[in-house]
Amino acid sequence: MRDAIDDLVEREVQLSGATRESVFDALVELDVELSRRRLRSRADERKKNYLHNRVSRLLLYFRHGFSSSSSNATPEDVRLINLIEALPSS
């Protein structure tokens, strides 16, 4: 299922001069935005929580290294991680 996180990462990796750190920073900004957002409907709140949890997983993989053999990452997360890992460090 494609969502705002897929769109964000794909857009960021396409930018000229993109680095792992620039994508990490964009994910942190999204995480902060999701944390601040207050929603009224339960469905919107569930979607926000899903996105927040997914961003948190990606940030954990990013900071602590990623090993697909020892992870329960979804195929979507693995695809995004591979996109990010292909970028230069800085």
PDB file of N, CA and C in Angstrom:
ATOM      1  N   MET A   1       0.841  -1.176   0.000  1.00  0.00           N
ATOM      2  CA  MET A   1       0.000   0.000   0.000  1.00  0.00           C
ATOM      3  C   MET A   1       0.891   1.246   0.000  1.00  0.00           C
ATOM      4  N   ARG A   2       0.761   2.027  -1.028  1.00  0.00           N
ATOM      5  CA  ARG A   2       1.521   3.272  -1.131  1.00  0.00           C
ATOM      6  C   ARG A   2       0.899   4.314  -0.207  1.00  0.00           C
ATOM      7  N   ASP A   3       1.762   5.133   0.362  1.00  0.00           N
ATOM      8  CA  ASP A   3       1.265   6.187   1.236  1.00  0.00           C
ATOM      9  C   ASP A   3       2.196   7.387   1.164  1.00  0.00           C
ATOM     10  N   ALA A   4       1.988   8.325   2.057  1.00  0.00           N
ATOM     11  CA  ALA A   4       2.769   9.566   2.065  1.00  0.00           C
ATOM     12  C   ALA A   4       4.251   9.306   2.288  1.00  0.00           C
ATOM     13  N   ILE A   5       4.589   8.242   2.985  1.00  0.00           N
ATOM     14  CA  ILE A   5       5.993   7.932   3.249  1.00  0.00           C
ATOM     15  C   ILE A   5       6.691   7.495   1.970  1.00  0.00           C
ATOM     16  N   ASP A   6       6.038   6.629   1.197  1.00  0.00           N
ATOM     17  CA  ASP A   6       6.600   6.213  -0.091  1.00  0.00           C
ATOM     18  C   ASP A   6       6.834   7.432  -0.980  1.00  0.00           C
ATOM     19  N   ASP A   7       5.819   8.286  -1.063  1.00  0.00           N
ATOM     20  CA  ASP A   7       5.932   9.486  -1.899  1.00  0.00           C
ATOM     21  C   ASP A   7       7.078  10.379  -1.435  1.00  0.00           C
ATOM     22  N   LEU A   8       7.188  10.580  -0.130  1.00  0.00           N
ATOM     23  CA  LEU A   8       8.236  11.438   0.424  1.00  0.00           C
ATOM     24  C   LEU A   8       9.626  10.894   0.095  1.00  0.00           C
ATOM     25  N   VAL A   9       9.861   9.624   0.380  1.00  0.00           N
ATOM     26  CA  VAL A   9      11.184   9.039   0.144  1.00  0.00           C
ATOM     27  C   VAL A   9      11.520   9.056  -1.343  1.00  0.00           C
ATOM     28  N   GLU A  10      10.575   8.652  -2.181  1.00  0.00           N
ATOM     29  CA  GLU A  10      10.842   8.650  -3.624  1.00  0.00           C
ATOM     30  C   GLU A  10      11.152  10.046  -4.137  1.00  0.00           C
ATOM     31  N   ARG A  11      10.438  11.035  -3.650  1.00  0.00           N
ATOM     32  CA  ARG A  11      10.679  12.424  -4.062  1.00  0.00           C
ATOM     33  C   ARG A  11      12.050  12.893  -3.569  1.00  0.00           C
ATOM     34  N   GLU A  12      12.384  12.595  -2.322  1.00  0.00           N
ATOM     35  CA  GLU A  12      13.654  13.041  -1.751  1.00  0.00           C
ATOM     36  C   GLU A  12      14.861  12.403  -2.435  1.00  0.00           C
ATOM     37  N   VAL A  13      14.796  11.113  -2.770  1.00  0.00           N
ATOM     38  CA  VAL A  13      15.956  10.459  -3.387  1.00  0.00           C
ATOM     39  C   VAL A  13      16.182  10.955  -4.811  1.00  0.00           C
ATOM     40  N   GLN A  14      15.159  11.521  -5.432  1.00  0.00           N
ATOM     41  CA  GLN A  14      15.288  12.041  -6.790  1.00  0.00           C
ATOM     42  C   GLN A  14      15.890  13.446  -6.836  1.00  0.00           C
ATOM     43  N   LEU A  15      15.939  14.138  -5.699  1.00  0.00           N
ATOM     44  CA  LEU A  15      16.463  15.496  -5.679  1.00  0.00           C
ATOM     45  C   LEU A  15      17.954  15.507  -5.981  1.00  0.00           C
ATOM     46  N   SER A  16      18.364  16.518  -6.694  1.00  0.00           N
ATOM     47  CA  SER A  16      19.783  16.679  -6.980  1.00  0.00           C
ATOM     48  C   SER A  16      20.533  16.886  -5.672  1.00  0.00           C
ATOM     49  N   GLY A  17      21.600  16.142  -5.477  1.00  0.00           N
ATOM     50  CA  GLY A  17      22.391  16.273  -4.266  1.00  0.00           C
ATOM     51  C   GLY A  17      21.812  15.554  -3.060  1.00  0.00           C
ATOM     52  N   ALA A  18      20.835  14.683  -3.270  1.00  0.00           N
ATOM     53  CA  ALA A  18      20.226  13.962  -2.156  1.00  0.00           C
ATOM     54  C   ALA A  18      21.253  13.058  -1.485  1.00  0.00           C
ATOM     55  N   THR A  19      21.159  12.990  -0.165  1.00  0.00           N
ATOM     56  CA  THR A  19      22.024  12.117   0.625  1.00  0.00           C
ATOM     57  C   THR A  19      21.149  11.331   1.597  1.00  0.00           C
ATOM     58  N   ARG A  20      21.749  10.336   2.231  1.00  0.00           N
ATOM     59  CA  ARG A  20      21.011   9.585   3.250  1.00  0.00           C
ATOM     60  C   ARG A  20      20.532  10.520   4.349  1.00  0.00           C
ATOM     61  N   GLU A  21      21.389  11.458   4.719  1.00  0.00           N
ATOM     62  CA  GLU A  21      21.033  12.394   5.789  1.00  0.00           C
ATOM     63  C   GLU A  21      19.871  13.296   5.397  1.00  0.00           C
ATOM     64  N   SER A  22      19.817  13.722   4.132  1.00  0.00           N
ATOM     65  CA  SER A  22      18.713  14.594   3.720  1.00  0.00           C
ATOM     66  C   SER A  22      17.383  13.834   3.749  1.00  0.00           C
ATOM     67  N   VAL A  23      17.411  12.557   3.396  1.00  0.00           N
ATOM     68  CA  VAL A  23      16.190  11.754   3.469  1.00  0.00           C
ATOM     69  C   VAL A  23      15.827  11.509   4.936  1.00  0.00           C
ATOM     70  N   PHE A  24      16.830  11.225   5.760  1.00  0.00           N
ATOM     71  CA  PHE A  24      16.590  11.047   7.197  1.00  0.00           C
ATOM     72  C   PHE A  24      15.934  12.296   7.773  1.00  0.00           C
ATOM     73  N   ASP A  25      16.465  13.479   7.434  1.00  0.00           N
ATOM     74  CA  ASP A  25      15.900  14.736   7.932  1.00  0.00           C
ATOM     75  C   ASP A  25      14.446  14.908   7.496  1.00  0.00           C
ATOM     76  N   ALA A  26      14.146  14.548   6.256  1.00  0.00           N
ATOM     77  CA  ALA A  26      12.771  14.658   5.758  1.00  0.00           C
ATOM     78  C   ALA A  26      11.845  13.710   6.520  1.00  0.00           C
ATOM     79  N   LEU A  27      12.332  12.511   6.839  1.00  0.00           N
ATOM     80  CA  LEU A  27      11.529  11.565   7.616  1.00  0.00           C
ATOM     81  C   LEU A  27      11.308  12.070   9.048  1.00  0.00           C
ATOM     82  N   VAL A  28      12.321  12.683   9.631  1.00  0.00           N
ATOM     83  CA  VAL A  28      12.172  13.249  10.974  1.00  0.00           C
ATOM     84  C   VAL A  28      11.122  14.361  10.949  1.00  0.00           C
ATOM     85  N   GLU A  29      11.155  15.226   9.940  1.00  0.00           N
ATOM     86  CA  GLU A  29      10.164  16.293   9.829  1.00  0.00           C
ATOM     87  C   GLU A  29       8.755  15.730   9.719  1.00  0.00           C
ATOM     88  N   LEU A  30       8.591  14.665   8.918  1.00  0.00           N
ATOM     89  CA  LEU A  30       7.275  14.035   8.796  1.00  0.00           C
ATOM     90  C   LEU A  30       6.848  13.441  10.134  1.00  0.00           C
ATOM     91  N   ASP A  31       7.771  12.815  10.836  1.00  0.00           N
ATOM     92  CA  ASP A  31       7.465  12.225  12.141  1.00  0.00           C
ATOM     93  C   ASP A  31       6.982  13.296  13.121  1.00  0.00           C
ATOM     94  N   VAL A  32       7.656  14.427  13.143  1.00  0.00           N
ATOM     95  CA  VAL A  32       7.260  15.530  14.026  1.00  0.00           C
ATOM     96  C   VAL A  32       5.877  16.042  13.632  1.00  0.00           C
ATOM     97  N   GLU A  33       5.648  16.205  12.345  1.00  0.00           N
ATOM     98  CA  GLU A  33       4.348  16.684  11.871  1.00  0.00           C
ATOM     99  C   GLU A  33       3.236  15.715  12.284  1.00  0.00           C
ATOM    100  N   LEU A  34       3.479  14.420  12.135  1.00  0.00           N
ATOM    101  CA  LEU A  34       2.474  13.430  12.520  1.00  0.00           C
ATOM    102  C   LEU A  34       2.220  13.456  14.023  1.00  0.00           C
ATOM    103  N   SER A  35       3.251  13.677  14.796  1.00  0.00           N
ATOM    104  CA  SER A  35       3.111  13.715  16.257  1.00  0.00           C
ATOM    105  C   SER A  35       2.259  14.901  16.709  1.00  0.00           C
ATOM    106  N   ARG A  36       2.341  15.979  15.999  1.00  0.00           N
ATOM    107  CA  ARG A  36       1.605  17.192  16.378  1.00  0.00           C
ATOM    108  C   ARG A  36       0.170  17.201  15.884  1.00  0.00           C
ATOM    109  N   ARG A  37      -0.112  16.423  14.855  1.00  0.00           N
ATOM    110  CA  ARG A  37      -1.424  16.450  14.215  1.00  0.00           C
ATOM    111  C   ARG A  37      -2.487  15.822  15.116  1.00  0.00           C
ATOM    112  N   ARG A  38      -3.568  16.543  15.334  1.00  0.00           N
ATOM    113  CA  ARG A  38      -4.711  16.032  16.098  1.00  0.00           C
ATOM    114  C   ARG A  38      -5.866  15.821  15.124  1.00  0.00           C
ATOM    115  N   LEU A  39      -6.456  14.644  15.195  1.00  0.00           N
ATOM    116  CA  LEU A  39      -7.535  14.303  14.283  1.00  0.00           C
ATOM    117  C   LEU A  39      -8.784  13.943  15.067  1.00  0.00           C
ATOM    118  N   ARG A  40      -9.915  14.158  14.431  1.00  0.00           N
ATOM    119  CA  ARG A  40     -11.177  13.917  15.121  1.00  0.00           C
ATOM    120  C   ARG A  40     -11.744  12.534  14.879  1.00  0.00           C
ATOM    121  N   SER A  41     -11.598  12.025  13.677  1.00  0.00           N
ATOM    122  CA  SER A  41     -12.209  10.724  13.399  1.00  0.00           C
ATOM    123  C   SER A  41     -11.266   9.583  13.773  1.00  0.00           C
ATOM    124  N   ARG A  42     -11.843   8.476  14.150  1.00  0.00           N
ATOM    125  CA  ARG A  42     -11.041   7.306  14.520  1.00  0.00           C
ATOM    126  C   ARG A  42     -10.271   6.767  13.320  1.00  0.00           C
ATOM    127  N   ALA A  43     -10.883   6.799  12.155  1.00  0.00           N
ATOM    128  CA  ALA A  43     -10.216   6.294  10.953  1.00  0.00           C
ATOM    129  C   ALA A  43      -8.980   7.132  10.641  1.00  0.00           C
ATOM    130  N   ASP A  44      -9.101   8.443  10.729  1.00  0.00           N
ATOM    131  CA  ASP A  44      -7.954   9.316  10.477  1.00  0.00           C
ATOM    132  C   ASP A  44      -6.875   9.124  11.535  1.00  0.00           C
ATOM    133  N   GLU A  45      -7.294   8.912  12.772  1.00  0.00           N
ATOM    134  CA  GLU A  45      -6.343   8.684  13.854  1.00  0.00           C
ATOM    135  C   GLU A  45      -5.591   7.358  13.644  1.00  0.00           C
ATOM    136  N   ARG A  46      -6.288   6.322  13.197  1.00  0.00           N
ATOM    137  CA  ARG A  46      -5.637   5.036  12.913  1.00  0.00           C
ATOM    138  C   ARG A  46      -4.621   5.180  11.788  1.00  0.00           C
ATOM    139  N   LYS A  47      -5.005   5.912  10.738  1.00  0.00           N
ATOM    140  CA  LYS A  47      -4.082   6.110   9.620  1.00  0.00           C
ATOM    141  C   LYS A  47      -2.849   6.893  10.080  1.00  0.00           C
ATOM    142  N   LYS A  48      -3.067   7.925  10.884  1.00  0.00           N
ATOM    143  CA  LYS A  48      -1.941   8.703  11.415  1.00  0.00           C
ATOM    144  C   LYS A  48      -1.023   7.810  12.248  1.00  0.00           C
ATOM    145  N   ASN A  49      -1.587   6.972  13.079  1.00  0.00           N
ATOM    146  CA  ASN A  49      -0.787   6.072  13.910  1.00  0.00           C
ATOM    147  C   ASN A  49      -0.003   5.079  13.054  1.00  0.00           C
ATOM    148  N   TYR A  50      -0.631   4.563  12.001  1.00  0.00           N
ATOM    149  CA  TYR A  50       0.062   3.660  11.078  1.00  0.00           C
ATOM    150  C   TYR A  50       1.270   4.370  10.459  1.00  0.00           C
ATOM    151  N   LEU A  51       1.056   5.587   9.948  1.00  0.00           N
ATOM    152  CA  LEU A  51       2.138   6.342   9.328  1.00  0.00           C
ATOM    153  C   LEU A  51       3.235   6.664  10.342  1.00  0.00           C
ATOM    154  N   HIS A  52       2.840   7.077  11.524  1.00  0.00           N
ATOM    155  CA  HIS A  52       3.809   7.403  12.575  1.00  0.00           C
ATOM    156  C   HIS A  52       4.651   6.171  12.925  1.00  0.00           C
ATOM    157  N   ASN A  53       4.005   5.026  13.074  1.00  0.00           N
ATOM    158  CA  ASN A  53       4.733   3.793  13.388  1.00  0.00           C
ATOM    159  C   ASN A  53       5.666   3.392  12.258  1.00  0.00           C
ATOM    160  N   ARG A  54       5.228   3.565  11.031  1.00  0.00           N
ATOM    161  CA  ARG A  54       6.069   3.208   9.884  1.00  0.00           C
ATOM    162  C   ARG A  54       7.289   4.125   9.794  1.00  0.00           C
ATOM    163  N   VAL A  55       7.093   5.414   9.975  1.00  0.00           N
ATOM    164  CA  VAL A  55       8.226   6.351   9.968  1.00  0.00           C
ATOM    165  C   VAL A  55       9.192   5.984  11.089  1.00  0.00           C
ATOM    166  N   SER A  56       8.654   5.667  12.256  1.00  0.00           N
ATOM    167  CA  SER A  56       9.512   5.296  13.385  1.00  0.00           C
ATOM    168  C   SER A  56      10.353   4.069  13.066  1.00  0.00           C
ATOM    169  N   ARG A  57       9.763   3.064  12.423  1.00  0.00           N
ATOM    170  CA  ARG A  57      10.523   1.868  12.025  1.00  0.00           C
ATOM    171  C   ARG A  57      11.632   2.226  11.053  1.00  0.00           C
ATOM    172  N   LEU A  58      11.319   3.051  10.066  1.00  0.00           N
ATOM    173  CA  LEU A  58      12.335   3.445   9.078  1.00  0.00           C
ATOM    174  C   LEU A  58      13.473   4.207   9.750  1.00  0.00           C
ATOM    175  N   LEU A  59      13.138   5.088  10.683  1.00  0.00           N
ATOM    176  CA  LEU A  59      14.174   5.835  11.387  1.00  0.00           C
ATOM    177  C   LEU A  59      15.036   4.911  12.246  1.00  0.00           C
ATOM    178  N   LEU A  60      14.428   3.911  12.859  1.00  0.00           N
ATOM    179  CA  LEU A  60      15.202   2.931  13.630  1.00  0.00           C
ATOM    180  C   LEU A  60      16.152   2.150  12.730  1.00  0.00           C
ATOM    181  N   TYR A  61      15.647   1.685  11.599  1.00  0.00           N
ATOM    182  CA  TYR A  61      16.504   0.967  10.654  1.00  0.00           C
ATOM    183  C   TYR A  61      17.661   1.849  10.233  1.00  0.00           C
ATOM    184  N   PHE A  62      17.330   3.111  10.000  1.00  0.00           N
ATOM    185  CA  PHE A  62      18.305   4.075   9.520  1.00  0.00           C
ATOM    186  C   PHE A  62      19.425   4.269  10.530  1.00  0.00           C
ATOM    187  N   ARG A  63      19.081   4.430  11.797  1.00  0.00           N
ATOM    188  CA  ARG A  63      20.054   4.724  12.841  1.00  0.00           C
ATOM    189  C   ARG A  63      20.821   3.511  13.346  1.00  0.00           C
ATOM    190  N   HIS A  64      20.183   2.356  13.328  1.00  0.00           N
ATOM    191  CA  HIS A  64      20.803   1.173  13.925  1.00  0.00           C
ATOM    192  C   HIS A  64      21.231   0.140  12.893  1.00  0.00           C
ATOM    193  N   GLY A  65      21.155   0.505  11.638  1.00  0.00           N
ATOM    194  CA  GLY A  65      21.527  -0.434  10.592  1.00  0.00           C
ATOM    195  C   GLY A  65      20.378  -1.365  10.261  1.00  0.00           C
ATOM    196  N   PHE A  66      20.405  -1.874   9.084  1.00  0.00           N
ATOM    197  CA  PHE A  66      19.314  -2.715   8.622  1.00  0.00           C
ATOM    198  C   PHE A  66      19.879  -4.025   8.120  1.00  0.00           C
ATOM    199  N   SER A  67      19.284  -5.090   8.554  1.00  0.00           N
ATOM    200  CA  SER A  67      19.636  -6.411   8.062  1.00  0.00           C
ATOM    201  C   SER A  67      18.339  -7.129   7.737  1.00  0.00           C
ATOM    202  N   SER A  68      18.100  -7.378   6.467  1.00  0.00           N
ATOM    203  CA  SER A  68      16.834  -7.985   6.075  1.00  0.00           C
ATOM    204  C   SER A  68      16.691  -9.394   6.638  1.00  0.00           C
ATOM    205  N   SER A  69      17.791 -10.054   6.924  1.00  0.00           N
ATOM    206  CA  SER A  69      17.695 -11.412   7.459  1.00  0.00           C
ATOM    207  C   SER A  69      17.261 -11.426   8.924  1.00  0.00           C
ATOM    208  N   SER A  70      17.508 -10.354   9.648  1.00  0.00           N
ATOM    209  CA  SER A  70      17.146 -10.341  11.065  1.00  0.00           C
ATOM    210  C   SER A  70      16.012  -9.367  11.368  1.00  0.00           C
ATOM    211  N   SER A  71      15.276  -8.987  10.364  1.00  0.00           N
ATOM    212  CA  SER A  71      14.245  -7.977  10.539  1.00  0.00           C
ATOM    213  C   SER A  71      12.890  -8.517  10.119  1.00  0.00           C
ATOM    214  N   ASN A  72      11.857  -7.917  10.657  1.00  0.00           N
ATOM    215  CA  ASN A  72      10.500  -8.240  10.232  1.00  0.00           C
ATOM    216  C   ASN A  72       9.959  -7.120   9.351  1.00  0.00           C
ATOM    217  N   ALA A  73      10.831  -6.484   8.596  1.00  0.00           N
ATOM    218  CA  ALA A  73      10.457  -5.362   7.737  1.00  0.00           C
ATOM    219  C   ALA A  73       9.525  -5.828   6.627  1.00  0.00           C
ATOM    220  N   THR A  74       8.602  -4.963   6.299  1.00  0.00           N
ATOM    221  CA  THR A  74       7.694  -5.259   5.189  1.00  0.00           C
ATOM    222  C   THR A  74       8.444  -5.082   3.873  1.00  0.00           C
ATOM    223  N   PRO A  75       7.962  -5.704   2.805  1.00  0.00           N
ATOM    224  CA  PRO A  75       8.612  -5.492   1.504  1.00  0.00           C
ATOM    225  C   PRO A  75       8.652  -4.015   1.097  1.00  0.00           C
ATOM    226  N   GLU A  76       7.618  -3.265   1.471  1.00  0.00           N
ATOM    227  CA  GLU A  76       7.589  -1.836   1.148  1.00  0.00           C
ATOM    228  C   GLU A  76       8.708  -1.093   1.876  1.00  0.00           C
ATOM    229  N   ASP A  77       8.909  -1.438   3.153  1.00  0.00           N
ATOM    230  CA  ASP A  77       9.972  -0.798   3.922  1.00  0.00           C
ATOM    231  C   ASP A  77      11.344  -1.170   3.363  1.00  0.00           C
ATOM    232  N   VAL A  78      11.523  -2.427   3.006  1.00  0.00           N
ATOM    233  CA  VAL A  78      12.800  -2.873   2.439  1.00  0.00           C
ATOM    234  C   VAL A  78      13.090  -2.112   1.148  1.00  0.00           C
ATOM    235  N   ARG A  79      12.076  -1.919   0.323  1.00  0.00           N
ATOM    236  CA  ARG A  79      12.257  -1.172  -0.934  1.00  0.00           C
ATOM    237  C   ARG A  79      12.716   0.252  -0.652  1.00  0.00           C
ATOM    238  N   LEU A  80      12.088   0.916   0.317  1.00  0.00           N
ATOM    239  CA  LEU A  80      12.476   2.290   0.648  1.00  0.00           C
ATOM    240  C   LEU A  80      13.878   2.329   1.249  1.00  0.00           C
ATOM    241  N   ILE A  81      14.185   1.389   2.111  1.00  0.00           N
ATOM    242  CA  ILE A  81      15.513   1.340   2.719  1.00  0.00           C
ATOM    243  C   ILE A  81      16.576   1.156   1.649  1.00  0.00           C
ATOM    244  N   ASN A  82      16.306   0.302   0.680  1.00  0.00           N
ATOM    245  CA  ASN A  82      17.257   0.093  -0.417  1.00  0.00           C
ATOM    246  C   ASN A  82      17.449   1.363  -1.236  1.00  0.00           C
ATOM    247  N   LEU A  83      16.381   2.115  -1.468  1.00  0.00           N
ATOM    248  CA  LEU A  83      16.496   3.394  -2.173  1.00  0.00           C
ATOM    249  C   LEU A  83      17.404   4.362  -1.404  1.00  0.00           C
ATOM    250  N   ILE A  84      17.186   4.407  -0.099  1.00  0.00           N
ATOM    251  CA  ILE A  84      17.975   5.323   0.741  1.00  0.00           C
ATOM    252  C   ILE A  84      19.425   4.869   0.815  1.00  0.00           C
ATOM    253  N   GLU A  85      19.650   3.579   0.978  1.00  0.00           N
ATOM    254  CA  GLU A  85      21.004   3.045   1.100  1.00  0.00           C
ATOM    255  C   GLU A  85      21.826   3.273  -0.166  1.00  0.00           C
ATOM    256  N   ALA A  86      21.179   3.440  -1.297  1.00  0.00           N
ATOM    257  CA  ALA A  86      21.893   3.674  -2.553  1.00  0.00           C
ATOM    258  C   ALA A  86      22.460   5.095  -2.646  1.00  0.00           C
ATOM    259  N   LEU A  87      22.004   5.978  -1.756  1.00  0.00           N
ATOM    260  CA  LEU A  87      22.470   7.370  -1.766  1.00  0.00           C
ATOM    261  C   LEU A  87      23.812   7.483  -1.041  1.00  0.00           C
ATOM    262  N   PRO A  88      24.578   8.535  -1.376  1.00  0.00           N
ATOM    263  CA  PRO A  88      25.813   8.778  -0.628  1.00  0.00           C
ATOM    264  C   PRO A  88      25.493   9.199   0.812  1.00  0.00           C
ATOM    265  N   SER A  89      26.441   8.984   1.710  1.00  0.00           N
ATOM    266  CA  SER A  89      26.229   9.322   3.123  1.00  0.00           C
ATOM    267  C   SER A  89      26.074  10.809   3.346  1.00  0.00           C
ATOM    268  N   SER A  90      26.888  11.608   2.710  1.00  0.00           N
ATOM    269  CA  SER A  90      26.763  13.062   2.896  1.00  0.00           C
ATOM    270  C   SER A  90      27.259  13.800   1.691  1.00  0.00           C
TER     271      SER A  90
END
